[in-house]
Amino acid sequence: MAIHLFHLPSPSTPSPQLYLLIGFESGLLTLIKFTPTSSFHLPASSTSSTYFPIEGRMVGESEGWELVWMEKPHKDASKSSLTLSPSTDSS
């Protein structure tokens, strides 16, 4: 498994968006975006765009994370549509 956490600028929000790209051993790639919910806040004293959970509020483990896309670009040969048949050549 490989995980890459990164920021990208967003024209719709003043702060960059946080993304998580995950690559699995099976070849599956997943891109997930963090969008703060009402359970998060941006401290007024903060100079960065780091959101924190609101103190005393329960936050679900996947709250704020949204699946952008999921793809498996590599297809296993055993699952392809290629079929093999015995040769009919009699020579």
PDB file of N, CA and C in Angstrom:
ATOM      1  N   MET A   1       0.847  -1.160   0.000  1.00  0.00           N
ATOM      2  CA  MET A   1       0.000   0.000   0.000  1.00  0.00           C
ATOM      3  C   MET A   1       0.902   1.236   0.000  1.00  0.00           C
ATOM      4  N   ALA A   2       0.488   2.239  -0.761  1.00  0.00           N
ATOM      5  CA  ALA A   2       1.200   3.518  -0.779  1.00  0.00           C
ATOM      6  C   ALA A   2       0.180   4.621  -0.528  1.00  0.00           C
ATOM      7  N   ILE A   3       0.542   5.579   0.300  1.00  0.00           N
ATOM      8  CA  ILE A   3      -0.356   6.685   0.650  1.00  0.00           C
ATOM      9  C   ILE A   3       0.373   7.997   0.421  1.00  0.00           C
ATOM     10  N   HIS A   4      -0.311   8.939  -0.234  1.00  0.00           N
ATOM     11  CA  HIS A   4       0.262  10.264  -0.483  1.00  0.00           C
ATOM     12  C   HIS A   4      -0.773  11.311  -0.068  1.00  0.00           C
ATOM     13  N   LEU A   5      -0.412  12.165   0.876  1.00  0.00           N
ATOM     14  CA  LEU A   5      -1.277  13.230   1.379  1.00  0.00           C
ATOM     15  C   LEU A   5      -0.756  14.546   0.799  1.00  0.00           C
ATOM     16  N   PHE A   6      -1.643  15.335   0.148  1.00  0.00           N
ATOM     17  CA  PHE A   6      -1.177  16.563  -0.489  1.00  0.00           C
ATOM     18  C   PHE A   6      -2.285  17.618  -0.557  1.00  0.00           C
ATOM     19  N   HIS A   7      -1.863  18.875  -0.765  1.00  0.00           N
ATOM     20  CA  HIS A   7      -2.783  20.006  -0.927  1.00  0.00           C
ATOM     21  C   HIS A   7      -2.823  20.416  -2.390  1.00  0.00           C
ATOM     22  N   LEU A   8      -3.993  20.826  -2.862  1.00  0.00           N
ATOM     23  CA  LEU A   8      -4.140  21.416  -4.187  1.00  0.00           C
ATOM     24  C   LEU A   8      -4.935  22.705  -4.045  1.00  0.00           C
ATOM     25  N   PRO A   9      -4.574  23.750  -4.782  1.00  0.00           N
ATOM     26  CA  PRO A   9      -5.368  24.974  -4.718  1.00  0.00           C
ATOM     27  C   PRO A   9      -6.753  24.740  -5.311  1.00  0.00           C
ATOM     28  N   SER A  10      -7.731  25.430  -4.768  1.00  0.00           N
ATOM     29  CA  SER A  10      -9.109  25.289  -5.235  1.00  0.00           C
ATOM     30  C   SER A  10      -9.664  26.675  -5.551  1.00  0.00           C
ATOM     31  N   PRO A  11     -10.230  26.865  -6.746  1.00  0.00           N
ATOM     32  CA  PRO A  11     -10.785  28.177  -7.085  1.00  0.00           C
ATOM     33  C   PRO A  11     -12.048  28.518  -6.284  1.00  0.00           C
ATOM     34  N   SER A  12     -12.715  27.507  -5.736  1.00  0.00           N
ATOM     35  CA  SER A  12     -13.977  27.744  -5.028  1.00  0.00           C
ATOM     36  C   SER A  12     -13.806  28.017  -3.530  1.00  0.00           C
ATOM     37  N   THR A  13     -12.619  27.745  -2.972  1.00  0.00           N
ATOM     38  CA  THR A  13     -12.393  27.982  -1.545  1.00  0.00           C
ATOM     39  C   THR A  13     -11.110  28.785  -1.356  1.00  0.00           C
ATOM     40  N   PRO A  14     -11.036  29.595  -0.306  1.00  0.00           N
ATOM     41  CA  PRO A  14      -9.832  30.406  -0.086  1.00  0.00           C
ATOM     42  C   PRO A  14      -8.605  29.605   0.329  1.00  0.00           C
ATOM     43  N   SER A  15      -8.802  28.435   0.903  1.00  0.00           N
ATOM     44  CA  SER A  15      -7.654  27.627   1.329  1.00  0.00           C
ATOM     45  C   SER A  15      -7.523  26.402   0.421  1.00  0.00           C
ATOM     46  N   PRO A  16      -6.299  25.850   0.296  1.00  0.00           N
ATOM     47  CA  PRO A  16      -6.106  24.668  -0.543  1.00  0.00           C
ATOM     48  C   PRO A  16      -6.877  23.466  -0.005  1.00  0.00           C
ATOM     49  N   GLN A  17      -7.278  22.590  -0.914  1.00  0.00           N
ATOM     50  CA  GLN A  17      -7.985  21.368  -0.540  1.00  0.00           C
ATOM     51  C   GLN A  17      -6.976  20.285  -0.174  1.00  0.00           C
ATOM     52  N   LEU A  18      -7.314  19.479   0.824  1.00  0.00           N
ATOM     53  CA  LEU A  18      -6.479  18.367   1.262  1.00  0.00           C
ATOM     54  C   LEU A  18      -6.963  17.091   0.585  1.00  0.00           C
ATOM     55  N   TYR A  19      -6.045  16.365  -0.046  1.00  0.00           N
ATOM     56  CA  TYR A  19      -6.364  15.127  -0.750  1.00  0.00           C
ATOM     57  C   TYR A  19      -5.514  13.989  -0.215  1.00  0.00           C
ATOM     58  N   LEU A  20      -6.035  12.771  -0.385  1.00  0.00           N
ATOM     59  CA  LEU A  20      -5.333  11.557  -0.006  1.00  0.00           C
ATOM     60  C   LEU A  20      -5.426  10.600  -1.187  1.00  0.00           C
ATOM     61  N   LEU A  21      -4.267  10.216  -1.728  1.00  0.00           N
ATOM     62  CA  LEU A  21      -4.207   9.259  -2.829  1.00  0.00           C
ATOM     63  C   LEU A  21      -3.672   7.955  -2.270  1.00  0.00           C
ATOM     64  N   ILE A  22      -4.413   6.867  -2.480  1.00  0.00           N
ATOM     65  CA  ILE A  22      -4.029   5.564  -1.934  1.00  0.00           C
ATOM     66  C   ILE A  22      -3.889   4.571  -3.086  1.00  0.00           C
ATOM     67  N   GLY A  23      -2.762   3.864  -3.101  1.00  0.00           N
ATOM     68  CA  GLY A  23      -2.534   2.795  -4.066  1.00  0.00           C
ATOM     69  C   GLY A  23      -2.434   1.470  -3.321  1.00  0.00           C
ATOM     70  N   PHE A  24      -3.242   0.517  -3.730  1.00  0.00           N
ATOM     71  CA  PHE A  24      -3.273  -0.789  -3.073  1.00  0.00           C
ATOM     72  C   PHE A  24      -2.483  -1.822  -3.880  1.00  0.00           C
ATOM     73  N   GLU A  25      -2.060  -2.901  -3.229  1.00  0.00           N
ATOM     74  CA  GLU A  25      -1.306  -3.957  -3.883  1.00  0.00           C
ATOM     75  C   GLU A  25      -2.068  -4.575  -5.048  1.00  0.00           C
ATOM     76  N   SER A  26      -3.383  -4.537  -5.003  1.00  0.00           N
ATOM     77  CA  SER A  26      -4.215  -5.120  -6.058  1.00  0.00           C
ATOM     78  C   SER A  26      -4.221  -4.277  -7.327  1.00  0.00           C
ATOM     79  N   GLY A  27      -3.640  -3.058  -7.271  1.00  0.00           N
ATOM     80  CA  GLY A  27      -3.641  -2.163  -8.426  1.00  0.00           C
ATOM     81  C   GLY A  27      -4.712  -1.090  -8.335  1.00  0.00           C
ATOM     82  N   LEU A  28      -5.549  -1.162  -7.324  1.00  0.00           N
ATOM     83  CA  LEU A  28      -6.625  -0.187  -7.136  1.00  0.00           C
ATOM     84  C   LEU A  28      -6.049   1.150  -6.685  1.00  0.00           C
ATOM     85  N   LEU A  29      -6.492   2.241  -7.313  1.00  0.00           N
ATOM     86  CA  LEU A  29      -6.115   3.595  -6.930  1.00  0.00           C
ATOM     87  C   LEU A  29      -7.356   4.321  -6.442  1.00  0.00           C
ATOM     88  N   THR A  30      -7.229   5.053  -5.339  1.00  0.00           N
ATOM     89  CA  THR A  30      -8.357   5.777  -4.751  1.00  0.00           C
ATOM     90  C   THR A  30      -7.918   7.194  -4.418  1.00  0.00           C
ATOM     91  N   LEU A  31      -8.737   8.180  -4.807  1.00  0.00           N
ATOM     92  CA  LEU A  31      -8.478   9.571  -4.467  1.00  0.00           C
ATOM     93  C   LEU A  31      -9.611  10.048  -3.557  1.00  0.00           C
ATOM     94  N   ILE A  32      -9.239  10.590  -2.394  1.00  0.00           N
ATOM     95  CA  ILE A  32     -10.203  11.033  -1.389  1.00  0.00           C
ATOM     96  C   ILE A  32      -9.902  12.488  -1.053  1.00  0.00           C
ATOM     97  N   LYS A  33     -10.950  13.318  -0.890  1.00  0.00           N
ATOM     98  CA  LYS A  33     -10.806  14.742  -0.590  1.00  0.00           C
ATOM     99  C   LYS A  33     -11.378  15.030   0.790  1.00  0.00           C
ATOM    100  N   PHE A  34     -10.703  15.905   1.543  1.00  0.00           N
ATOM    101  CA  PHE A  34     -11.215  16.312   2.845  1.00  0.00           C
ATOM    102  C   PHE A  34     -11.960  17.631   2.700  1.00  0.00           C
ATOM    103  N   THR A  35     -13.212  17.628   3.119  1.00  0.00           N
ATOM    104  CA  THR A  35     -14.037  18.827   3.154  1.00  0.00           C
ATOM    105  C   THR A  35     -14.546  18.965   4.579  1.00  0.00           C
ATOM    106  N   PRO A  36     -14.116  20.018   5.294  1.00  0.00           N
ATOM    107  CA  PRO A  36     -14.523  20.159   6.689  1.00  0.00           C
ATOM    108  C   PRO A  36     -16.041  20.225   6.844  1.00  0.00           C
ATOM    109  N   THR A  37     -16.540  19.530   7.838  1.00  0.00           N
ATOM    110  CA  THR A  37     -17.962  19.560   8.171  1.00  0.00           C
ATOM    111  C   THR A  37     -18.159  20.508   9.356  1.00  0.00           C
ATOM    112  N   SER A  38     -19.364  20.558   9.867  1.00  0.00           N
ATOM    113  CA  SER A  38     -19.651  21.429  11.014  1.00  0.00           C
ATOM    114  C   SER A  38     -18.944  20.954  12.286  1.00  0.00           C
ATOM    115  N   SER A  39     -18.346  19.784  12.267  1.00  0.00           N
ATOM    116  CA  SER A  39     -17.603  19.263  13.425  1.00  0.00           C
ATOM    117  C   SER A  39     -16.171  19.802  13.484  1.00  0.00           C
ATOM    118  N   PHE A  40     -15.751  20.564  12.474  1.00  0.00           N
ATOM    119  CA  PHE A  40     -14.396  21.100  12.402  1.00  0.00           C
ATOM    120  C   PHE A  40     -14.433  22.625  12.390  1.00  0.00           C
ATOM    121  N   HIS A  41     -13.340  23.223  12.842  1.00  0.00           N
ATOM    122  CA  HIS A  41     -13.236  24.682  12.789  1.00  0.00           C
ATOM    123  C   HIS A  41     -11.812  25.089  12.453  1.00  0.00           C
ATOM    124  N   LEU A  42     -11.662  26.297  11.928  1.00  0.00           N
ATOM    125  CA  LEU A  42     -10.363  26.862  11.620  1.00  0.00           C
ATOM    126  C   LEU A  42     -10.070  27.898  12.687  1.00  0.00           C
ATOM    127  N   PRO A  43      -9.134  27.629  13.588  1.00  0.00           N
ATOM    128  CA  PRO A  43      -8.863  28.574  14.671  1.00  0.00           C
ATOM    129  C   PRO A  43      -8.481  29.959  14.140  1.00  0.00           C
ATOM    130  N   ALA A  44      -9.012  30.999  14.771  1.00  0.00           N
ATOM    131  CA  ALA A  44      -8.748  32.373  14.346  1.00  0.00           C
ATOM    132  C   ALA A  44      -7.271  32.716  14.464  1.00  0.00           C
ATOM    133  N   SER A  45      -6.595  32.122  15.438  1.00  0.00           N
ATOM    134  CA  SER A  45      -5.177  32.413  15.652  1.00  0.00           C
ATOM    135  C   SER A  45      -4.258  31.625  14.723  1.00  0.00           C
ATOM    136  N   SER A  46      -4.831  30.723  13.927  1.00  0.00           N
ATOM    137  CA  SER A  46      -4.022  29.868  13.057  1.00  0.00           C
ATOM    138  C   SER A  46      -3.568  30.630  11.816  1.00  0.00           C
ATOM    139  N   THR A  47      -2.280  30.497  11.469  1.00  0.00           N
ATOM    140  CA  THR A  47      -1.754  31.115  10.253  1.00  0.00           C
ATOM    141  C   THR A  47      -1.799  30.139   9.076  1.00  0.00           C
ATOM    142  N   SER A  48      -2.124  28.895   9.337  1.00  0.00           N
ATOM    143  CA  SER A  48      -2.232  27.899   8.268  1.00  0.00           C
ATOM    144  C   SER A  48      -3.706  27.587   8.034  1.00  0.00           C
ATOM    145  N   SER A  49      -3.967  26.759   7.045  1.00  0.00           N
ATOM    146  CA  SER A  49      -5.346  26.366   6.749  1.00  0.00           C
ATOM    147  C   SER A  49      -5.650  24.995   7.342  1.00  0.00           C
ATOM    148  N   THR A  50      -5.245  24.769   8.585  1.00  0.00           N
ATOM    149  CA  THR A  50      -5.433  23.489   9.253  1.00  0.00           C
ATOM    150  C   THR A  50      -6.717  23.521  10.076  1.00  0.00           C
ATOM    151  N   TYR A  51      -7.630  22.605   9.750  1.00  0.00           N
ATOM    152  CA  TYR A  51      -8.880  22.492  10.491  1.00  0.00           C
ATOM    153  C   TYR A  51      -8.696  21.526  11.646  1.00  0.00           C
ATOM    154  N   PHE A  52      -9.365  21.811  12.746  1.00  0.00           N
ATOM    155  CA  PHE A  52      -9.309  20.965  13.928  1.00  0.00           C
ATOM    156  C   PHE A  52     -10.721  20.568  14.335  1.00  0.00           C
ATOM    157  N   PRO A  53     -10.880  19.373  14.935  1.00  0.00           N
ATOM    158  CA  PRO A  53     -12.203  19.004  15.461  1.00  0.00           C
ATOM    159  C   PRO A  53     -12.603  19.970  16.576  1.00  0.00           C
ATOM    160  N   ILE A  54     -13.866  20.294  16.647  1.00  0.00           N
ATOM    161  CA  ILE A  54     -14.368  21.155  17.715  1.00  0.00           C
ATOM    162  C   ILE A  54     -14.287  20.376  19.023  1.00  0.00           C
ATOM    163  N   GLU A  55     -13.718  21.009  20.040  1.00  0.00           N
ATOM    164  CA  GLU A  55     -13.517  20.349  21.319  1.00  0.00           C
ATOM    165  C   GLU A  55     -14.855  19.901  21.907  1.00  0.00           C
ATOM    166  N   GLY A  56     -14.893  18.658  22.362  1.00  0.00           N
ATOM    167  CA  GLY A  56     -16.098  18.105  22.974  1.00  0.00           C
ATOM    168  C   GLY A  56     -17.073  17.502  21.982  1.00  0.00           C
ATOM    169  N   ARG A  57     -16.822  17.648  20.694  1.00  0.00           N
ATOM    170  CA  ARG A  57     -17.728  17.099  19.684  1.00  0.00           C
ATOM    171  C   ARG A  57     -17.172  15.788  19.149  1.00  0.00           C
ATOM    172  N   MET A  58     -18.029  14.784  19.050  1.00  0.00           N
ATOM    173  CA  MET A  58     -17.636  13.478  18.535  1.00  0.00           C
ATOM    174  C   MET A  58     -17.539  13.563  17.005  1.00  0.00           C
ATOM    175  N   VAL A  59     -16.415  13.129  16.459  1.00  0.00           N
ATOM    176  CA  VAL A  59     -16.197  13.141  15.015  1.00  0.00           C
ATOM    177  C   VAL A  59     -16.035  11.708  14.542  1.00  0.00           C
ATOM    178  N   GLY A  60     -16.827  11.314  13.561  1.00  0.00           N
ATOM    179  CA  GLY A  60     -16.732   9.968  12.996  1.00  0.00           C
ATOM    180  C   GLY A  60     -15.413   9.794  12.263  1.00  0.00           C
ATOM    181  N   GLU A  61     -14.918   8.552  12.179  1.00  0.00           N
ATOM    182  CA  GLU A  61     -13.596   8.309  11.600  1.00  0.00           C
ATOM    183  C   GLU A  61     -13.493   8.708  10.132  1.00  0.00           C
ATOM    184  N   SER A  62     -14.588   8.701   9.385  1.00  0.00           N
ATOM    185  CA  SER A  62     -14.541   9.101   7.977  1.00  0.00           C
ATOM    186  C   SER A  62     -15.246  10.430   7.733  1.00  0.00           C
ATOM    187  N   GLU A  63     -15.625  11.119   8.775  1.00  0.00           N
ATOM    188  CA  GLU A  63     -16.346  12.385   8.622  1.00  0.00           C
ATOM    189  C   GLU A  63     -15.459  13.426   7.954  1.00  0.00           C
ATOM    190  N   GLY A  64     -15.981  14.046   6.911  1.00  0.00           N
ATOM    191  CA  GLY A  64     -15.247  15.059   6.173  1.00  0.00           C
ATOM    192  C   GLY A  64     -14.511  14.518   4.958  1.00  0.00           C
ATOM    193  N   TRP A  65     -14.313  13.197   4.891  1.00  0.00           N
ATOM    194  CA  TRP A  65     -13.603  12.599   3.764  1.00  0.00           C
ATOM    195  C   TRP A  65     -14.610  12.145   2.715  1.00  0.00           C
ATOM    196  N   GLU A  66     -14.365  12.513   1.468  1.00  0.00           N
ATOM    197  CA  GLU A  66     -15.288  12.223   0.368  1.00  0.00           C
ATOM    198  C   GLU A  66     -14.528  11.538  -0.767  1.00  0.00           C
ATOM    199  N   LEU A  67     -15.072  10.427  -1.275  1.00  0.00           N
ATOM    200  CA  LEU A  67     -14.445   9.701  -2.373  1.00  0.00           C
ATOM    201  C   LEU A  67     -14.595  10.513  -3.655  1.00  0.00           C
ATOM    202  N   VAL A  68     -13.477  10.821  -4.312  1.00  0.00           N
ATOM    203  CA  VAL A  68     -13.503  11.555  -5.577  1.00  0.00           C
ATOM    204  C   VAL A  68     -13.557  10.570  -6.735  1.00  0.00           C
ATOM    205  N   TRP A  69     -12.647   9.598  -6.759  1.00  0.00           N
ATOM    206  CA  TRP A  69     -12.687   8.529  -7.758  1.00  0.00           C
ATOM    207  C   TRP A  69     -11.919   7.313  -7.275  1.00  0.00           C
ATOM    208  N   MET A  70     -12.243   6.196  -7.922  1.00  0.00           N
ATOM    209  CA  MET A  70     -11.596   4.924  -7.620  1.00  0.00           C
ATOM    210  C   MET A  70     -11.435   4.203  -8.957  1.00  0.00           C
ATOM    211  N   GLU A  71     -10.252   3.680  -9.219  1.00  0.00           N
ATOM    212  CA  GLU A  71      -9.981   3.060 -10.507  1.00  0.00           C
ATOM    213  C   GLU A  71      -8.963   1.947 -10.342  1.00  0.00           C
ATOM    214  N   LYS A  72      -9.113   0.928 -11.153  1.00  0.00           N
ATOM    215  CA  LYS A  72      -8.106  -0.140 -11.214  1.00  0.00           C
ATOM    216  C   LYS A  72      -7.639  -0.204 -12.661  1.00  0.00           C
ATOM    217  N   PRO A  73      -6.579   0.563 -12.989  1.00  0.00           N
ATOM    218  CA  PRO A  73      -6.136   0.614 -14.379  1.00  0.00           C
ATOM    219  C   PRO A  73      -5.542  -0.693 -14.889  1.00  0.00           C
ATOM    220  N   HIS A  74      -4.973  -1.497 -14.003  1.00  0.00           N
ATOM    221  CA  HIS A  74      -4.372  -2.761 -14.403  1.00  0.00           C
ATOM    222  C   HIS A  74      -5.394  -3.879 -14.233  1.00  0.00           C
ATOM    223  N   LYS A  75      -5.649  -4.609 -15.306  1.00  0.00           N
ATOM    224  CA  LYS A  75      -6.565  -5.749 -15.253  1.00  0.00           C
ATOM    225  C   LYS A  75      -5.752  -7.034 -15.232  1.00  0.00           C
ATOM    226  N   ASP A  76      -6.098  -7.930 -14.343  1.00  0.00           N
ATOM    227  CA  ASP A  76      -5.397  -9.208 -14.254  1.00  0.00           C
ATOM    228  C   ASP A  76      -5.661 -10.043 -15.503  1.00  0.00           C
ATOM    229  N   ALA A  77      -4.647 -10.747 -15.976  1.00  0.00           N
ATOM    230  CA  ALA A  77      -4.776 -11.564 -17.187  1.00  0.00           C
ATOM    231  C   ALA A  77      -5.821 -12.652 -17.023  1.00  0.00           C
ATOM    232  N   SER A  78      -5.968 -13.196 -15.829  1.00  0.00           N
ATOM    233  CA  SER A  78      -6.927 -14.275 -15.617  1.00  0.00           C
ATOM    234  C   SER A  78      -8.372 -13.787 -15.714  1.00  0.00           C
ATOM    235  N   LYS A  79      -8.572 -12.482 -15.631  1.00  0.00           N
ATOM    236  CA  LYS A  79      -9.927 -11.942 -15.685  1.00  0.00           C
ATOM    237  C   LYS A  79     -10.214 -11.262 -17.014  1.00  0.00           C
ATOM    238  N   SER A  80      -9.324 -11.407 -17.980  1.00  0.00           N
ATOM    239  CA  SER A  80      -9.536 -10.782 -19.283  1.00  0.00           C
ATOM    240  C   SER A  80     -10.491 -11.639 -20.102  1.00  0.00           C
ATOM    241  N   SER A  81     -10.901 -11.091 -21.238  1.00  0.00           N
ATOM    242  CA  SER A  81     -11.862 -11.814 -22.078  1.00  0.00           C
ATOM    243  C   SER A  81     -11.167 -12.782 -23.036  1.00  0.00           C
ATOM    244  N   LEU A  82      -9.859 -12.909 -22.941  1.00  0.00           N
ATOM    245  CA  LEU A  82      -9.111 -13.824 -23.795  1.00  0.00           C
ATOM    246  C   LEU A  82      -9.457 -15.266 -23.429  1.00  0.00           C
ATOM    247  N   THR A  83      -9.844 -16.034 -24.428  1.00  0.00           N
ATOM    248  CA  THR A  83     -10.115 -17.455 -24.191  1.00  0.00           C
ATOM    249  C   THR A  83      -9.196 -18.287 -25.078  1.00  0.00           C
ATOM    250  N   LEU A  84      -8.752 -19.364 -24.550  1.00  0.00           N
ATOM    251  CA  LEU A  84      -7.876 -20.268 -25.285  1.00  0.00           C
ATOM    252  C   LEU A  84      -8.631 -21.540 -25.626  1.00  0.00           C
ATOM    253  N   SER A  85      -8.419 -22.010 -26.848  1.00  0.00           N
ATOM    254  CA  SER A  85      -9.064 -23.260 -27.236  1.00  0.00           C
ATOM    255  C   SER A  85      -7.988 -24.179 -27.846  1.00  0.00           C
ATOM    256  N   PRO A  86      -8.211 -25.489 -27.783  1.00  0.00           N
ATOM    257  CA  PRO A  86      -7.223 -26.419 -28.317  1.00  0.00           C
ATOM    258  C   PRO A  86      -7.067 -26.216 -29.829  1.00  0.00           C
ATOM    259  N   SER A  87      -5.868 -26.454 -30.294  1.00  0.00           N
ATOM    260  CA  SER A  87      -5.580 -26.305 -31.730  1.00  0.00           C
ATOM    261  C   SER A  87      -6.298 -27.410 -32.502  1.00  0.00           C
ATOM    262  N   THR A  88      -6.848 -27.038 -33.670  1.00  0.00           N
ATOM    263  CA  THR A  88      -7.497 -28.022 -34.548  1.00  0.00           C
ATOM    264  C   THR A  88      -6.585 -28.403 -35.691  1.00  0.00           C
ATOM    265  N   ASP A  89      -5.352 -27.913 -35.633  1.00  0.00           N
ATOM    266  CA  ASP A  89      -4.368 -28.216 -36.679  1.00  0.00           C
ATOM    267  C   ASP A  89      -3.917 -29.671 -36.500  1.00  0.00           C
ATOM    268  N   SER A  90      -4.061 -30.515 -37.563  1.00  0.00           N
ATOM    269  CA  SER A  90      -3.727 -31.937 -37.445  1.00  0.00           C
ATOM    270  C   SER A  90      -2.340 -32.267 -37.962  1.00  0.00           C
ATOM    271  N   SER A  91      -1.542 -31.265 -38.338  1.00  0.00           N
ATOM    272  CA  SER A  91      -0.218 -31.589 -38.884  1.00  0.00           C
ATOM    273  C   SER A  91       0.811 -31.821 -37.830  1.00  0.00           C
TER     274      SER A  91
END
